Amino acid sequence: MEAIFATLTDKQRVETLNNVYQKGIATSAEALAFSADKLVYLKPFISKLMTQDYLEDLTSRMMTRQIVDELLAEIVDEVTLTCSRKGNATLAKVASDYGIKAIVDLGSKTNYELKKVA
C-alpha cells in the first residue's frame, strides 16, 4: 500500500480526502465503514493541502503528506475490516462509494487473511 501512496499527487490526496469526508458526513455514524472520529481530522488536511503557502515549505508538505497517508491507510484498514466478512465484491463497492478504490488492493494477501480470520 505504501507504493500506492508514494504515487499519489497532492491533488489526488485532496480528492480522496474530500470523497471520504463527503461520504462520511452524509452517512450516519452507525452505518459508516470507518470510525466517525476520523472525520474531525479530514477537513483541516483538505484545507492544508489546498493552501498555496503550504506548497512553499518542503518540511511541512512532507509531514502533511505522511499524516494524510497514515490517516488514509487507517481508513482503508477499517473499511477493509468492516467489509471482510462480506467478500471482495462488497469491498470493491464500498471502496468505490468512499472514493478510495484506487488505494484499496482488492487482491492483497492481507484482505485474504482478514476474510480467513473473520
N, C-alpha and C. Protein backbone atom coordinates (compact mmCIF):
# COMPACT_ATOMS: atom_id res chain seq x y z
N MET A 1 0.83 -1.18 0.00
CA MET A 1 0.00 0.00 0.00
C MET A 1 0.88 1.25 0.00
N GLU A 2 2.06 1.18 0.62
CA GLU A 2 2.93 2.35 0.66
C GLU A 2 3.32 2.79 -0.74
N ALA A 3 3.50 1.81 -1.65
CA ALA A 3 3.84 2.15 -3.03
C ALA A 3 2.72 2.93 -3.69
N ILE A 4 1.48 2.59 -3.37
CA ILE A 4 0.34 3.31 -3.92
C ILE A 4 0.35 4.75 -3.41
N PHE A 5 0.58 4.93 -2.11
CA PHE A 5 0.61 6.27 -1.54
C PHE A 5 1.75 7.10 -2.12
N ALA A 6 2.86 6.46 -2.42
CA ALA A 6 4.01 7.17 -2.98
C ALA A 6 3.69 7.76 -4.35
N THR A 7 2.72 7.18 -5.04
CA THR A 7 2.37 7.66 -6.38
C THR A 7 1.25 8.70 -6.37
N LEU A 8 0.64 8.93 -5.22
CA LEU A 8 -0.45 9.92 -5.15
C LEU A 8 0.10 11.34 -5.22
N THR A 9 -0.56 12.17 -6.00
CA THR A 9 -0.22 13.59 -6.03
C THR A 9 -1.03 14.29 -4.93
N ASP A 10 -0.67 15.52 -4.62
CA ASP A 10 -1.44 16.27 -3.63
C ASP A 10 -2.88 16.44 -4.08
N LYS A 11 -3.08 16.63 -5.38
CA LYS A 11 -4.44 16.77 -5.92
C LYS A 11 -5.24 15.49 -5.68
N GLN A 12 -4.62 14.34 -5.90
CA GLN A 12 -5.30 13.06 -5.66
C GLN A 12 -5.59 12.86 -4.18
N ARG A 13 -4.66 13.29 -3.34
CA ARG A 13 -4.89 13.20 -1.89
C ARG A 13 -6.11 14.04 -1.49
N VAL A 14 -6.17 15.27 -2.03
CA VAL A 14 -7.30 16.16 -1.72
C VAL A 14 -8.60 15.53 -2.21
N GLU A 15 -8.60 15.02 -3.43
CA GLU A 15 -9.81 14.39 -3.97
C GLU A 15 -10.25 13.20 -3.12
N THR A 16 -9.30 12.36 -2.74
CA THR A 16 -9.61 11.18 -1.93
C THR A 16 -10.13 11.59 -0.56
N LEU A 17 -9.43 12.52 0.09
CA LEU A 17 -9.89 13.00 1.40
C LEU A 17 -11.27 13.63 1.30
N ASN A 18 -11.49 14.41 0.27
CA ASN A 18 -12.78 15.07 0.10
C ASN A 18 -13.89 14.05 -0.14
N ASN A 19 -13.62 13.03 -0.96
CA ASN A 19 -14.62 11.97 -1.19
C ASN A 19 -14.97 11.25 0.10
N VAL A 20 -13.95 10.90 0.86
CA VAL A 20 -14.17 10.20 2.13
C VAL A 20 -14.95 11.11 3.09
N TYR A 21 -14.56 12.38 3.14
CA TYR A 21 -15.23 13.33 4.03
C TYR A 21 -16.70 13.51 3.65
N GLN A 22 -16.96 13.71 2.37
CA GLN A 22 -18.35 13.89 1.91
C GLN A 22 -19.20 12.66 2.20
N LYS A 23 -18.64 11.48 1.95
CA LYS A 23 -19.37 10.24 2.24
C LYS A 23 -19.58 10.11 3.75
N GLY A 24 -18.57 10.49 4.51
CA GLY A 24 -18.65 10.39 5.96
C GLY A 24 -19.71 11.28 6.57
N ILE A 25 -19.82 12.51 6.09
CA ILE A 25 -20.81 13.41 6.68
C ILE A 25 -22.22 13.09 6.19
N ALA A 26 -22.32 12.38 5.06
CA ALA A 26 -23.63 12.02 4.52
C ALA A 26 -24.14 10.68 5.06
N THR A 27 -23.31 10.00 5.84
CA THR A 27 -23.64 8.67 6.36
C THR A 27 -23.73 8.73 7.88
N SER A 28 -24.69 8.03 8.43
CA SER A 28 -24.81 8.00 9.90
C SER A 28 -23.58 7.31 10.49
N ALA A 29 -23.23 7.68 11.70
CA ALA A 29 -22.05 7.11 12.37
C ALA A 29 -22.15 5.60 12.48
N GLU A 30 -23.35 5.08 12.68
CA GLU A 30 -23.54 3.64 12.82
C GLU A 30 -23.31 2.90 11.50
N ALA A 31 -23.64 3.54 10.39
CA ALA A 31 -23.53 2.90 9.07
C ALA A 31 -22.17 3.16 8.41
N LEU A 32 -21.36 4.00 9.01
CA LEU A 32 -20.06 4.36 8.44
C LEU A 32 -19.11 3.16 8.52
N ALA A 33 -18.34 2.94 7.47
CA ALA A 33 -17.44 1.79 7.41
C ALA A 33 -16.10 2.05 8.10
N PHE A 34 -15.94 3.23 8.70
CA PHE A 34 -14.75 3.54 9.48
C PHE A 34 -15.17 4.40 10.66
N SER A 35 -14.27 4.62 11.59
CA SER A 35 -14.57 5.39 12.79
C SER A 35 -14.94 6.83 12.44
N ALA A 36 -16.11 7.25 12.91
CA ALA A 36 -16.59 8.61 12.65
C ALA A 36 -15.66 9.66 13.26
N ASP A 37 -14.87 9.28 14.25
CA ASP A 37 -13.93 10.21 14.87
C ASP A 37 -12.90 10.75 13.87
N LYS A 38 -12.61 9.98 12.85
CA LYS A 38 -11.61 10.40 11.86
C LYS A 38 -12.10 11.58 11.01
N LEU A 39 -13.40 11.78 10.94
CA LEU A 39 -13.94 12.89 10.15
C LEU A 39 -13.44 14.24 10.64
N VAL A 40 -13.19 14.34 11.93
CA VAL A 40 -12.71 15.59 12.52
C VAL A 40 -11.36 15.98 11.93
N TYR A 41 -10.55 14.99 11.57
CA TYR A 41 -9.20 15.25 11.07
C TYR A 41 -9.15 15.51 9.57
N LEU A 42 -10.16 15.07 8.84
CA LEU A 42 -10.10 15.16 7.38
C LEU A 42 -10.15 16.59 6.85
N LYS A 43 -11.11 17.37 7.31
CA LYS A 43 -11.33 18.72 6.77
C LYS A 43 -10.09 19.62 6.89
N PRO A 44 -9.41 19.67 8.04
CA PRO A 44 -8.22 20.53 8.12
C PRO A 44 -7.12 20.13 7.14
N PHE A 45 -6.98 18.82 6.89
CA PHE A 45 -5.94 18.39 5.96
C PHE A 45 -6.32 18.69 4.52
N ILE A 46 -7.60 18.64 4.21
CA ILE A 46 -8.06 19.03 2.87
C ILE A 46 -7.69 20.49 2.64
N SER A 47 -8.00 21.34 3.62
CA SER A 47 -7.68 22.77 3.52
C SER A 47 -6.18 23.00 3.42
N LYS A 48 -5.41 22.28 4.24
CA LYS A 48 -3.96 22.47 4.27
C LYS A 48 -3.34 22.08 2.93
N LEU A 49 -3.80 20.97 2.34
CA LEU A 49 -3.25 20.55 1.05
C LEU A 49 -3.60 21.52 -0.08
N MET A 50 -4.67 22.26 0.08
CA MET A 50 -5.12 23.19 -0.96
C MET A 50 -4.52 24.59 -0.81
N THR A 51 -3.88 24.88 0.32
CA THR A 51 -3.34 26.21 0.59
C THR A 51 -2.02 26.42 -0.16
N GLN A 52 -1.89 27.55 -0.82
CA GLN A 52 -0.68 27.86 -1.58
C GLN A 52 0.55 28.01 -0.68
N ASP A 53 0.38 28.59 0.51
CA ASP A 53 1.51 28.78 1.42
C ASP A 53 2.13 27.45 1.80
N TYR A 54 1.31 26.45 1.88
CA TYR A 54 1.76 25.11 2.24
C TYR A 54 2.78 24.58 1.24
N LEU A 55 2.60 24.94 -0.02
CA LEU A 55 3.46 24.42 -1.08
C LEU A 55 4.89 24.93 -0.99
N GLU A 56 5.12 26.02 -0.27
CA GLU A 56 6.45 26.62 -0.20
C GLU A 56 7.36 25.95 0.83
N ASP A 57 6.79 25.32 1.82
CA ASP A 57 7.58 24.73 2.89
C ASP A 57 7.67 23.21 2.69
N LEU A 58 8.82 22.74 2.25
CA LEU A 58 9.01 21.32 1.93
C LEU A 58 8.81 20.43 3.15
N THR A 59 9.33 20.82 4.29
CA THR A 59 9.18 20.01 5.50
C THR A 59 7.72 19.88 5.89
N SER A 60 7.01 20.97 5.87
CA SER A 60 5.58 20.95 6.19
C SER A 60 4.82 20.07 5.20
N ARG A 61 5.16 20.19 3.94
CA ARG A 61 4.49 19.40 2.90
C ARG A 61 4.72 17.91 3.12
N MET A 62 5.96 17.53 3.43
CA MET A 62 6.27 16.11 3.65
C MET A 62 5.57 15.57 4.89
N MET A 63 5.56 16.35 5.95
CA MET A 63 4.90 15.91 7.18
C MET A 63 3.39 15.77 6.96
N THR A 64 2.81 16.72 6.26
CA THR A 64 1.37 16.66 5.98
C THR A 64 1.04 15.45 5.12
N ARG A 65 1.84 15.21 4.10
CA ARG A 65 1.62 14.03 3.25
C ARG A 65 1.69 12.75 4.07
N GLN A 66 2.68 12.66 4.96
CA GLN A 66 2.83 11.46 5.77
C GLN A 66 1.61 11.26 6.67
N ILE A 67 1.16 12.32 7.31
CA ILE A 67 -0.01 12.22 8.19
C ILE A 67 -1.26 11.86 7.39
N VAL A 68 -1.44 12.50 6.25
CA VAL A 68 -2.60 12.20 5.39
C VAL A 68 -2.56 10.75 4.93
N ASP A 69 -1.39 10.29 4.51
CA ASP A 69 -1.27 8.91 4.05
C ASP A 69 -1.56 7.92 5.17
N GLU A 70 -1.08 8.22 6.38
CA GLU A 70 -1.37 7.34 7.52
C GLU A 70 -2.85 7.34 7.85
N LEU A 71 -3.47 8.50 7.78
CA LEU A 71 -4.91 8.62 8.04
C LEU A 71 -5.70 7.83 6.99
N LEU A 72 -5.33 7.98 5.73
CA LEU A 72 -5.99 7.22 4.67
C LEU A 72 -5.77 5.72 4.83
N ALA A 73 -4.55 5.34 5.22
CA ALA A 73 -4.26 3.91 5.43
C ALA A 73 -5.13 3.34 6.55
N GLU A 74 -5.30 4.11 7.63
CA GLU A 74 -6.16 3.65 8.72
C GLU A 74 -7.61 3.52 8.26
N ILE A 75 -8.07 4.46 7.47
CA ILE A 75 -9.44 4.40 6.95
C ILE A 75 -9.60 3.18 6.05
N VAL A 76 -8.63 2.95 5.16
CA VAL A 76 -8.67 1.78 4.28
C VAL A 76 -8.69 0.50 5.11
N ASP A 77 -7.85 0.43 6.14
CA ASP A 77 -7.82 -0.76 7.01
C ASP A 77 -9.17 -0.99 7.68
N GLU A 78 -9.77 0.08 8.19
CA GLU A 78 -11.07 -0.05 8.86
C GLU A 78 -12.17 -0.46 7.88
N VAL A 79 -12.16 0.12 6.69
CA VAL A 79 -13.15 -0.24 5.67
C VAL A 79 -12.96 -1.70 5.26
N THR A 80 -11.72 -2.11 5.07
CA THR A 80 -11.42 -3.49 4.70
C THR A 80 -11.90 -4.45 5.78
N LEU A 81 -11.62 -4.12 7.03
CA LEU A 81 -12.04 -4.97 8.13
C LEU A 81 -13.56 -5.04 8.23
N THR A 82 -14.22 -3.90 8.06
CA THR A 82 -15.68 -3.86 8.11
C THR A 82 -16.30 -4.74 7.03
N CYS A 83 -15.68 -4.75 5.86
CA CYS A 83 -16.23 -5.50 4.72
C CYS A 83 -15.70 -6.93 4.63
N SER A 84 -14.76 -7.30 5.47
CA SER A 84 -14.08 -8.59 5.32
C SER A 84 -15.01 -9.80 5.36
N ARG A 85 -16.07 -9.72 6.10
CA ARG A 85 -17.00 -10.85 6.17
C ARG A 85 -17.90 -10.96 4.95
N LYS A 86 -17.99 -9.88 4.19
CA LYS A 86 -18.91 -9.86 3.05
C LYS A 86 -18.22 -10.18 1.73
N GLY A 87 -16.91 -10.23 1.70
CA GLY A 87 -16.18 -10.57 0.49
C GLY A 87 -15.71 -9.37 -0.29
N ASN A 88 -14.86 -9.63 -1.27
CA ASN A 88 -14.24 -8.56 -2.06
C ASN A 88 -15.23 -7.79 -2.91
N ALA A 89 -16.33 -8.42 -3.34
CA ALA A 89 -17.31 -7.69 -4.15
C ALA A 89 -17.88 -6.52 -3.36
N THR A 90 -18.18 -6.76 -2.09
CA THR A 90 -18.68 -5.69 -1.23
C THR A 90 -17.58 -4.67 -0.97
N LEU A 91 -16.36 -5.12 -0.75
CA LEU A 91 -15.25 -4.20 -0.51
C LEU A 91 -15.05 -3.30 -1.73
N ALA A 92 -15.14 -3.86 -2.91
CA ALA A 92 -14.99 -3.07 -4.13
C ALA A 92 -16.07 -1.99 -4.21
N LYS A 93 -17.30 -2.34 -3.87
CA LYS A 93 -18.40 -1.38 -3.92
C LYS A 93 -18.22 -0.29 -2.87
N VAL A 94 -17.92 -0.69 -1.64
CA VAL A 94 -17.74 0.29 -0.56
C VAL A 94 -16.54 1.19 -0.85
N ALA A 95 -15.44 0.61 -1.32
CA ALA A 95 -14.26 1.40 -1.66
C ALA A 95 -14.59 2.41 -2.75
N SER A 96 -15.38 1.99 -3.72
CA SER A 96 -15.81 2.91 -4.78
C SER A 96 -16.71 4.00 -4.22
N ASP A 97 -17.65 3.63 -3.35
CA ASP A 97 -18.55 4.61 -2.73
C ASP A 97 -17.79 5.65 -1.92
N TYR A 98 -16.73 5.23 -1.24
CA TYR A 98 -15.97 6.13 -0.38
C TYR A 98 -14.86 6.86 -1.14
N GLY A 99 -14.66 6.52 -2.41
CA GLY A 99 -13.64 7.18 -3.21
C GLY A 99 -12.23 6.73 -2.90
N ILE A 100 -12.09 5.51 -2.36
CA ILE A 100 -10.76 5.00 -2.01
C ILE A 100 -10.39 3.77 -2.82
N LYS A 101 -11.12 3.51 -3.88
CA LYS A 101 -10.89 2.30 -4.67
C LYS A 101 -9.45 2.23 -5.19
N ALA A 102 -8.90 3.37 -5.57
CA ALA A 102 -7.54 3.40 -6.12
C ALA A 102 -6.48 2.98 -5.10
N ILE A 103 -6.77 3.13 -3.81
CA ILE A 103 -5.76 2.79 -2.81
C ILE A 103 -6.11 1.52 -2.04
N VAL A 104 -7.18 0.84 -2.44
CA VAL A 104 -7.54 -0.44 -1.82
C VAL A 104 -7.09 -1.53 -2.77
N ASP A 105 -6.24 -2.42 -2.28
CA ASP A 105 -5.77 -3.54 -3.09
C ASP A 105 -6.70 -4.72 -2.85
N LEU A 106 -7.64 -4.94 -3.78
CA LEU A 106 -8.67 -5.95 -3.59
C LEU A 106 -8.13 -7.37 -3.61
N GLY A 107 -6.99 -7.59 -4.21
CA GLY A 107 -6.44 -8.93 -4.28
C GLY A 107 -5.31 -9.18 -3.31
N SER A 108 -5.11 -8.30 -2.35
CA SER A 108 -3.96 -8.43 -1.47
C SER A 108 -4.08 -9.61 -0.51
N LYS A 109 -2.95 -10.11 -0.10
CA LYS A 109 -2.90 -11.21 0.86
C LYS A 109 -3.53 -10.78 2.18
N THR A 110 -3.38 -9.52 2.55
CA THR A 110 -3.97 -9.01 3.79
C THR A 110 -5.48 -9.15 3.76
N ASN A 111 -6.11 -8.79 2.65
CA ASN A 111 -7.56 -8.94 2.55
C ASN A 111 -7.96 -10.39 2.69
N TYR A 112 -7.20 -11.28 2.07
CA TYR A 112 -7.50 -12.71 2.16
C TYR A 112 -7.38 -13.17 3.61
N GLU A 113 -6.32 -12.76 4.28
CA GLU A 113 -6.12 -13.16 5.68
C GLU A 113 -7.22 -12.60 6.56
N LEU A 114 -7.65 -11.36 6.33
CA LEU A 114 -8.74 -10.78 7.12
C LEU A 114 -10.01 -11.59 6.94
N LYS A 115 -10.32 -11.97 5.70
CA LYS A 115 -11.53 -12.76 5.45
C LYS A 115 -11.41 -14.13 6.09
N LYS A 116 -10.22 -14.72 6.01
CA LYS A 116 -9.99 -16.05 6.56
C LYS A 116 -10.16 -16.04 8.08
N VAL A 117 -9.64 -15.02 8.74
CA VAL A 117 -9.75 -14.91 10.20
C VAL A 117 -11.18 -14.63 10.61
N ALA A 118 -11.85 -13.75 9.89
CA ALA A 118 -13.22 -13.38 10.22
C ALA A 118 -14.11 -14.58 10.04
